[in-house]
Amino acid sequence: MPERTQRAGTSHACFMRAVNEELTKFERREREFRHKDRDERAKRLQMPVEKYDAGDRCMAKQSNPSRRR
């Protein structure tokens, strides 16, 4: 009986690892899609595009000399 329980725990751990990897891949593709879509819309509307750092948490706006006061 303990052997069966151990195998069940191992298969569950493998399943959860696979699910986590797939979720990570999906989130990466979704983030890339959102960035691409945002850039395309900004280009179409002729709006300035904000640049994101690698962490996708902080953004730094490009300076526009014509808008400075």
C-alpha atoms as a PDB file:
ATOM      1  CA  MET A   1       0.000   0.000   0.000  1.00  0.00           C
ATOM      2  CA  PRO A   2       2.699   2.611   0.779  1.00  0.00           C
ATOM      3  CA  GLU A   3       4.304   1.907  -2.614  1.00  0.00           C
ATOM      4  CA  ARG A   4       1.040   2.753  -4.382  1.00  0.00           C
ATOM      5  CA  THR A   5       0.676   5.958  -2.383  1.00  0.00           C
ATOM      6  CA  GLN A   6       4.242   6.930  -3.210  1.00  0.00           C
ATOM      7  CA  ARG A   7       3.675   6.349  -6.935  1.00  0.00           C
ATOM      8  CA  ALA A   8       0.493   8.415  -6.823  1.00  0.00           C
ATOM      9  CA  GLY A   9       2.367  11.274  -5.161  1.00  0.00           C
ATOM     10  CA  THR A  10       5.155  11.083  -7.724  1.00  0.00           C
ATOM     11  CA  SER A  11       2.750  11.068 -10.681  1.00  0.00           C
ATOM     12  CA  HIS A  12       0.864  14.013  -9.187  1.00  0.00           C
ATOM     13  CA  ALA A  13       4.127  15.925  -8.750  1.00  0.00           C
ATOM     14  CA  CYS A  14       5.078  15.201 -12.377  1.00  0.00           C
ATOM     15  CA  PHE A  15       1.639  16.311 -13.522  1.00  0.00           C
ATOM     16  CA  MET A  16       1.826  19.543 -11.549  1.00  0.00           C
ATOM     17  CA  ARG A  17       5.324  20.239 -12.898  1.00  0.00           C
ATOM     18  CA  ALA A  18       4.075  19.761 -16.474  1.00  0.00           C
ATOM     19  CA  VAL A  19       1.057  21.994 -15.824  1.00  0.00           C
ATOM     20  CA  ASN A  20       3.290  24.704 -14.368  1.00  0.00           C
ATOM     21  CA  GLU A  21       5.623  24.560 -17.384  1.00  0.00           C
ATOM     22  CA  GLU A  22       2.706  24.836 -19.819  1.00  0.00           C
ATOM     23  CA  LEU A  23       1.240  27.748 -17.880  1.00  0.00           C
ATOM     24  CA  THR A  24       4.603  29.519 -17.925  1.00  0.00           C
ATOM     25  CA  LYS A  25       4.886  29.034 -21.691  1.00  0.00           C
ATOM     26  CA  PHE A  26       1.339  30.323 -22.207  1.00  0.00           C
ATOM     27  CA  GLU A  27       1.939  33.399 -20.051  1.00  0.00           C
ATOM     28  CA  ARG A  28       5.121  34.202 -21.997  1.00  0.00           C
ATOM     29  CA  ARG A  29       3.303  33.915 -25.349  1.00  0.00           C
ATOM     30  CA  GLU A  30       0.418  36.021 -24.036  1.00  0.00           C
ATOM     31  CA  ARG A  31       2.798  38.736 -22.793  1.00  0.00           C
ATOM     32  CA  GLU A  32       4.597  38.801 -26.171  1.00  0.00           C
ATOM     33  CA  PHE A  33       1.256  39.029 -27.974  1.00  0.00           C
ATOM     34  CA  ARG A  34       0.101  41.936 -25.796  1.00  0.00           C
ATOM     35  CA  HIS A  35       3.344  43.841 -26.446  1.00  0.00           C
ATOM     36  CA  LYS A  36       3.117  43.238 -30.180  1.00  0.00           C
ATOM     37  CA  ASP A  37      -0.554  44.232 -30.272  1.00  0.00           C
ATOM     38  CA  ARG A  38       0.113  47.382 -28.223  1.00  0.00           C
ATOM     39  CA  ASP A  39       2.969  48.396 -30.522  1.00  0.00           C
ATOM     40  CA  GLU A  40       0.856  47.816 -33.637  1.00  0.00           C
ATOM     41  CA  ARG A  41      -2.036  49.873 -32.254  1.00  0.00           C
ATOM     42  CA  ALA A  42       0.300  52.684 -31.217  1.00  0.00           C
ATOM     43  CA  LYS A  43       1.859  52.713 -34.662  1.00  0.00           C
ATOM     44  CA  ARG A  44      -1.549  52.742 -36.332  1.00  0.00           C
ATOM     45  CA  LEU A  45      -2.731  55.600 -34.099  1.00  0.00           C
ATOM     46  CA  GLN A  46       0.641  57.355 -34.350  1.00  0.00           C
ATOM     47  CA  MET A  47       1.070  57.432 -30.587  1.00  0.00           C
ATOM     48  CA  PRO A  48       4.346  57.210 -28.667  1.00  0.00           C
ATOM     49  CA  VAL A  49       5.123  53.720 -27.416  1.00  0.00           C
ATOM     50  CA  GLU A  50       6.289  53.090 -23.862  1.00  0.00           C
ATOM     51  CA  LYS A  51       9.308  50.851 -23.520  1.00  0.00           C
ATOM     52  CA  TYR A  52       9.163  48.038 -20.978  1.00  0.00           C
ATOM     53  CA  ASP A  53      12.144  46.530 -19.250  1.00  0.00           C
ATOM     54  CA  ALA A  54      12.851  42.800 -19.332  1.00  0.00           C
ATOM     55  CA  GLY A  55      10.841  42.209 -16.167  1.00  0.00           C
ATOM     56  CA  ASP A  56       7.678  43.662 -17.722  1.00  0.00           C
ATOM     57  CA  ARG A  57       7.035  45.446 -14.430  1.00  0.00           C
ATOM     58  CA  CYS A  58       8.536  48.905 -14.919  1.00  0.00           C
ATOM     59  CA  MET A  59       8.095  51.119 -17.901  1.00  0.00           C
ATOM     60  CA  ALA A  60      10.119  54.057 -19.013  1.00  0.00           C
ATOM     61  CA  LYS A  61       8.509  56.554 -21.341  1.00  0.00           C
ATOM     62  CA  GLN A  62      10.505  57.821 -24.248  1.00  0.00           C
ATOM     63  CA  SER A  63      11.221  61.490 -23.931  1.00  0.00           C
ATOM     64  CA  ASN A  64       9.590  63.707 -26.496  1.00  0.00           C
ATOM     65  CA  PRO A  65      11.378  67.052 -26.836  1.00  0.00           C
ATOM     66  CA  SER A  66       8.379  68.719 -28.493  1.00  0.00           C
ATOM     67  CA  ARG A  67       6.243  68.125 -25.391  1.00  0.00           C
ATOM     68  CA  ARG A  68       8.658  69.564 -22.852  1.00  0.00           C
ATOM     69  CA  ARG A  69       7.770  72.851 -21.212  1.00  0.00           C
END
